[in-house]
Amino acid sequence: MTSAEEAFPSALDCWTAEDWHDYRRRVEDGEGSVSAMEAITRRRTRETKAGTGEQR
């Protein structure tokens, strides 16, 4: 396993009820589960960076 693969499951522990609701909605709408997880993770990363003022 790569470090990213090892970190991924633990990242789900930080998901909020809203994140899980968004995930279920996306999957019910036909989006693949991995794609939905990646999209939510990207959104959370963007929100975290925006909240800290970090820029790329």
PDB file of N, CA and C in Angstrom:
ATOM      1  N   MET A   1       0.841  -1.198   0.000  1.00  0.00           N
ATOM      2  CA  MET A   1       0.000   0.000   0.000  1.00  0.00           C
ATOM      3  C   MET A   1       0.880   1.253   0.000  1.00  0.00           C
ATOM      4  N   THR A   2       0.421   2.258  -0.683  1.00  0.00           N
ATOM      5  CA  THR A   2       1.126   3.535  -0.662  1.00  0.00           C
ATOM      6  C   THR A   2       0.653   4.329   0.540  1.00  0.00           C
ATOM      7  N   SER A   3       1.357   5.379   0.859  1.00  0.00           N
ATOM      8  CA  SER A   3       0.951   6.200   1.999  1.00  0.00           C
ATOM      9  C   SER A   3      -0.411   6.846   1.761  1.00  0.00           C
ATOM     10  N   ALA A   4      -0.720   7.178   0.512  1.00  0.00           N
ATOM     11  CA  ALA A   4      -2.029   7.763   0.205  1.00  0.00           C
ATOM     12  C   ALA A   4      -3.143   6.754   0.458  1.00  0.00           C
ATOM     13  N   GLU A   5      -2.895   5.493   0.084  1.00  0.00           N
ATOM     14  CA  GLU A   5      -3.896   4.453   0.308  1.00  0.00           C
ATOM     15  C   GLU A   5      -4.091   4.190   1.792  1.00  0.00           C
ATOM     16  N   GLU A   6      -3.018   4.292   2.582  1.00  0.00           N
ATOM     17  CA  GLU A   6      -3.110   4.075   4.014  1.00  0.00           C
ATOM     18  C   GLU A   6      -3.825   5.231   4.696  1.00  0.00           C
ATOM     19  N   ALA A   7      -3.657   6.438   4.187  1.00  0.00           N
ATOM     20  CA  ALA A   7      -4.269   7.626   4.795  1.00  0.00           C
ATOM     21  C   ALA A   7      -5.735   7.755   4.442  1.00  0.00           C
ATOM     22  N   PHE A   8      -6.125   7.212   3.293  1.00  0.00           N
ATOM     23  CA  PHE A   8      -7.491   7.429   2.819  1.00  0.00           C
ATOM     24  C   PHE A   8      -8.568   6.957   3.787  1.00  0.00           C
ATOM     25  N   PRO A   9      -8.521   5.700   4.263  1.00  0.00           N
ATOM     26  CA  PRO A   9      -9.607   5.266   5.160  1.00  0.00           C
ATOM     27  C   PRO A   9      -9.718   6.135   6.416  1.00  0.00           C
ATOM     28  N   SER A  10      -8.593   6.571   6.939  1.00  0.00           N
ATOM     29  CA  SER A  10      -8.653   7.393   8.147  1.00  0.00           C
ATOM     30  C   SER A  10      -9.260   8.758   7.864  1.00  0.00           C
ATOM     31  N   ALA A  11      -9.151   9.235   6.619  1.00  0.00           N
ATOM     32  CA  ALA A  11      -9.755  10.519   6.260  1.00  0.00           C
ATOM     33  C   ALA A  11     -11.271  10.461   6.371  1.00  0.00           C
ATOM     34  N   LEU A  12     -11.844   9.284   6.139  1.00  0.00           N
ATOM     35  CA  LEU A  12     -13.302   9.145   6.236  1.00  0.00           C
ATOM     36  C   LEU A  12     -13.794   9.358   7.663  1.00  0.00           C
ATOM     37  N   ASP A  13     -12.938   9.122   8.639  1.00  0.00           N
ATOM     38  CA  ASP A  13     -13.311   9.356  10.034  1.00  0.00           C
ATOM     39  C   ASP A  13     -13.601  10.832  10.302  1.00  0.00           C
ATOM     40  N   CYS A  14     -13.041  11.702   9.480  1.00  0.00           N
ATOM     41  CA  CYS A  14     -13.220  13.153   9.665  1.00  0.00           C
ATOM     42  C   CYS A  14     -14.440  13.693   8.923  1.00  0.00           C
ATOM     43  N   TRP A  15     -15.092  12.854   8.121  1.00  0.00           N
ATOM     44  CA  TRP A  15     -16.245  13.322   7.363  1.00  0.00           C
ATOM     45  C   TRP A  15     -17.381  13.692   8.304  1.00  0.00           C
ATOM     46  N   THR A  16     -18.080  14.741   7.933  1.00  0.00           N
ATOM     47  CA  THR A  16     -19.240  15.192   8.705  1.00  0.00           C
ATOM     48  C   THR A  16     -20.498  14.490   8.189  1.00  0.00           C
ATOM     49  N   ALA A  17     -21.579  14.664   8.918  1.00  0.00           N
ATOM     50  CA  ALA A  17     -22.868  14.116   8.473  1.00  0.00           C
ATOM     51  C   ALA A  17     -23.232  14.702   7.107  1.00  0.00           C
ATOM     52  N   GLU A  18     -22.901  15.965   6.886  1.00  0.00           N
ATOM     53  CA  GLU A  18     -23.171  16.615   5.599  1.00  0.00           C
ATOM     54  C   GLU A  18     -22.366  15.953   4.471  1.00  0.00           C
ATOM     55  N   ASP A  19     -21.105  15.605   4.755  1.00  0.00           N
ATOM     56  CA  ASP A  19     -20.279  14.923   3.754  1.00  0.00           C
ATOM     57  C   ASP A  19     -20.899  13.587   3.372  1.00  0.00           C
ATOM     58  N   TRP A  20     -21.354  12.826   4.355  1.00  0.00           N
ATOM     59  CA  TRP A  20     -21.973  11.524   4.084  1.00  0.00           C
ATOM     60  C   TRP A  20     -23.284  11.682   3.326  1.00  0.00           C
ATOM     61  N   HIS A  21     -24.037  12.723   3.650  1.00  0.00           N
ATOM     62  CA  HIS A  21     -25.281  12.994   2.914  1.00  0.00           C
ATOM     63  C   HIS A  21     -24.957  13.294   1.451  1.00  0.00           C
ATOM     64  N   ASP A  22     -23.937  14.122   1.216  1.00  0.00           N
ATOM     65  CA  ASP A  22     -23.509  14.457  -0.139  1.00  0.00           C
ATOM     66  C   ASP A  22     -23.057  13.193  -0.867  1.00  0.00           C
ATOM     67  N   TYR A  23     -22.311  12.330  -0.187  1.00  0.00           N
ATOM     68  CA  TYR A  23     -21.844  11.076  -0.780  1.00  0.00           C
ATOM     69  C   TYR A  23     -23.026  10.204  -1.205  1.00  0.00           C
ATOM     70  N   ARG A  24     -23.971  10.000  -0.300  1.00  0.00           N
ATOM     71  CA  ARG A  24     -25.131   9.159  -0.622  1.00  0.00           C
ATOM     72  C   ARG A  24     -25.927   9.743  -1.786  1.00  0.00           C
ATOM     73  N   ARG A  25     -26.107  11.058  -1.819  1.00  0.00           N
ATOM     74  CA  ARG A  25     -26.828  11.708  -2.911  1.00  0.00           C
ATOM     75  C   ARG A  25     -26.127  11.488  -4.241  1.00  0.00           C
ATOM     76  N   ARG A  26     -24.814  11.649  -4.247  1.00  0.00           N
ATOM     77  CA  ARG A  26     -24.045  11.467  -5.472  1.00  0.00           C
ATOM     78  C   ARG A  26     -24.158  10.036  -5.996  1.00  0.00           C
ATOM     79  N   VAL A  27     -24.033   9.059  -5.088  1.00  0.00           N
ATOM     80  CA  VAL A  27     -24.108   7.655  -5.497  1.00  0.00           C
ATOM     81  C   VAL A  27     -25.513   7.316  -5.984  1.00  0.00           C
ATOM     82  N   GLU A  28     -26.542   7.817  -5.307  1.00  0.00           N
ATOM     83  CA  GLU A  28     -27.920   7.579  -5.746  1.00  0.00           C
ATOM     84  C   GLU A  28     -28.175   8.185  -7.119  1.00  0.00           C
ATOM     85  N   ASP A  29     -27.467   9.279  -7.430  1.00  0.00           N
ATOM     86  CA  ASP A  29     -27.613   9.929  -8.737  1.00  0.00           C
ATOM     87  C   ASP A  29     -26.797   9.250  -9.829  1.00  0.00           C
ATOM     88  N   GLY A  30     -26.085   8.166  -9.468  1.00  0.00           N
ATOM     89  CA  GLY A  30     -25.365   7.394 -10.461  1.00  0.00           C
ATOM     90  C   GLY A  30     -23.869   7.615 -10.515  1.00  0.00           C
ATOM     91  N   GLU A  31     -23.339   8.482  -9.676  1.00  0.00           N
ATOM     92  CA  GLU A  31     -21.895   8.690  -9.661  1.00  0.00           C
ATOM     93  C   GLU A  31     -21.241   7.486  -8.975  1.00  0.00           C
ATOM     94  N   GLY A  32     -20.110   7.076  -9.448  1.00  0.00           N
ATOM     95  CA  GLY A  32     -19.401   5.964  -8.829  1.00  0.00           C
ATOM     96  C   GLY A  32     -18.954   6.318  -7.417  1.00  0.00           C
ATOM     97  N   SER A  33     -18.861   5.325  -6.565  1.00  0.00           N
ATOM     98  CA  SER A  33     -18.529   5.588  -5.162  1.00  0.00           C
ATOM     99  C   SER A  33     -17.135   6.194  -4.999  1.00  0.00           C
ATOM    100  N   VAL A  34     -16.166   5.694  -5.749  1.00  0.00           N
ATOM    101  CA  VAL A  34     -14.811   6.230  -5.633  1.00  0.00           C
ATOM    102  C   VAL A  34     -14.765   7.665  -6.143  1.00  0.00           C
ATOM    103  N   SER A  35     -15.441   7.921  -7.246  1.00  0.00           N
ATOM    104  CA  SER A  35     -15.496   9.275  -7.796  1.00  0.00           C
ATOM    105  C   SER A  35     -16.141  10.239  -6.801  1.00  0.00           C
ATOM    106  N   ALA A  36     -17.217   9.798  -6.166  1.00  0.00           N
ATOM    107  CA  ALA A  36     -17.902  10.629  -5.177  1.00  0.00           C
ATOM    108  C   ALA A  36     -16.991  10.921  -3.994  1.00  0.00           C
ATOM    109  N   MET A  37     -16.284   9.890  -3.513  1.00  0.00           N
ATOM    110  CA  MET A  37     -15.358  10.093  -2.387  1.00  0.00           C
ATOM    111  C   MET A  37     -14.250  11.066  -2.746  1.00  0.00           C
ATOM    112  N   GLU A  38     -13.711  10.928  -3.952  1.00  0.00           N
ATOM    113  CA  GLU A  38     -12.643  11.828  -4.388  1.00  0.00           C
ATOM    114  C   GLU A  38     -13.142  13.263  -4.503  1.00  0.00           C
ATOM    115  N   ALA A  39     -14.351  13.445  -5.026  1.00  0.00           N
ATOM    116  CA  ALA A  39     -14.908  14.793  -5.170  1.00  0.00           C
ATOM    117  C   ALA A  39     -15.109  15.441  -3.805  1.00  0.00           C
ATOM    118  N   ILE A  40     -15.615  14.683  -2.865  1.00  0.00           N
ATOM    119  CA  ILE A  40     -15.845  15.231  -1.525  1.00  0.00           C
ATOM    120  C   ILE A  40     -14.519  15.543  -0.847  1.00  0.00           C
ATOM    121  N   THR A  41     -13.546  14.678  -1.024  1.00  0.00           N
ATOM    122  CA  THR A  41     -12.221  14.918  -0.445  1.00  0.00           C
ATOM    123  C   THR A  41     -11.592  16.167  -1.045  1.00  0.00           C
ATOM    124  N   ARG A  42     -11.726  16.352  -2.368  1.00  0.00           N
ATOM    125  CA  ARG A  42     -11.207  17.577  -3.001  1.00  0.00           C
ATOM    126  C   ARG A  42     -11.910  18.811  -2.458  1.00  0.00           C
ATOM    127  N   ARG A  43     -13.240  18.735  -2.303  1.00  0.00           N
ATOM    128  CA  ARG A  43     -13.989  19.879  -1.760  1.00  0.00           C
ATOM    129  C   ARG A  43     -13.519  20.207  -0.350  1.00  0.00           C
ATOM    130  N   ARG A  44     -13.371  19.179   0.476  1.00  0.00           N
ATOM    131  CA  ARG A  44     -12.924  19.405   1.858  1.00  0.00           C
ATOM    132  C   ARG A  44     -11.534  20.029   1.884  1.00  0.00           C
ATOM    133  N   THR A  45     -10.656  19.585   0.982  1.00  0.00           N
ATOM    134  CA  THR A  45      -9.299  20.135   0.911  1.00  0.00           C
ATOM    135  C   THR A  45      -9.336  21.603   0.508  1.00  0.00           C
ATOM    136  N   ARG A  46     -10.158  21.920  -0.509  1.00  0.00           N
ATOM    137  CA  ARG A  46     -10.296  23.327  -0.937  1.00  0.00           C
ATOM    138  C   ARG A  46     -10.827  24.185   0.197  1.00  0.00           C
ATOM    139  N   GLU A  47     -11.843  23.692   0.901  1.00  0.00           N
ATOM    140  CA  GLU A  47     -12.437  24.460   1.996  1.00  0.00           C
ATOM    141  C   GLU A  47     -11.430  24.682   3.116  1.00  0.00           C
ATOM    142  N   THR A  48     -10.629  23.673   3.402  1.00  0.00           N
ATOM    143  CA  THR A  48      -9.608  23.803   4.450  1.00  0.00           C
ATOM    144  C   THR A  48      -8.569  24.841   4.055  1.00  0.00           C
ATOM    145  N   LYS A  49      -8.107  24.772   2.801  1.00  0.00           N
ATOM    146  CA  LYS A  49      -7.118  25.740   2.336  1.00  0.00           C
ATOM    147  C   LYS A  49      -7.691  27.148   2.322  1.00  0.00           C
ATOM    148  N   ALA A  50      -8.943  27.290   1.920  1.00  0.00           N
ATOM    149  CA  ALA A  50      -9.575  28.617   1.879  1.00  0.00           C
ATOM    150  C   ALA A  50      -9.727  29.161   3.295  1.00  0.00           C
ATOM    151  N   GLY A  51     -10.015  28.296   4.244  1.00  0.00           N
ATOM    152  CA  GLY A  51     -10.189  28.722   5.627  1.00  0.00           C
ATOM    153  C   GLY A  51      -8.884  29.139   6.284  1.00  0.00           C
ATOM    154  N   THR A  52      -7.766  28.595   5.827  1.00  0.00           N
ATOM    155  CA  THR A  52      -6.465  28.936   6.404  1.00  0.00           C
ATOM    156  C   THR A  52      -5.757  30.002   5.589  1.00  0.00           C
ATOM    157  N   GLY A  53      -6.308  30.350   4.435  1.00  0.00           N
ATOM    158  CA  GLY A  53      -5.681  31.340   3.568  1.00  0.00           C
ATOM    159  C   GLY A  53      -4.534  30.773   2.761  1.00  0.00           C
ATOM    160  N   GLU A  54      -4.352  29.455   2.802  1.00  0.00           N
ATOM    161  CA  GLU A  54      -3.289  28.820   2.053  1.00  0.00           C
ATOM    162  C   GLU A  54      -3.615  28.858   0.569  1.00  0.00           C
ATOM    163  N   GLN A  55      -2.611  29.174  -0.223  1.00  0.00           N
ATOM    164  CA  GLN A  55      -2.804  29.195  -1.668  1.00  0.00           C
ATOM    165  C   GLN A  55      -1.762  28.308  -2.314  1.00  0.00           C
ATOM    166  N   ARG A  56      -2.087  27.804  -3.495  1.00  0.00           N
ATOM    167  CA  ARG A  56      -1.153  26.946  -4.221  1.00  0.00           C
ATOM    168  C   ARG A  56      -0.326  27.765  -5.157  1.00  0.00           C
TER     169      ARG A  56
END
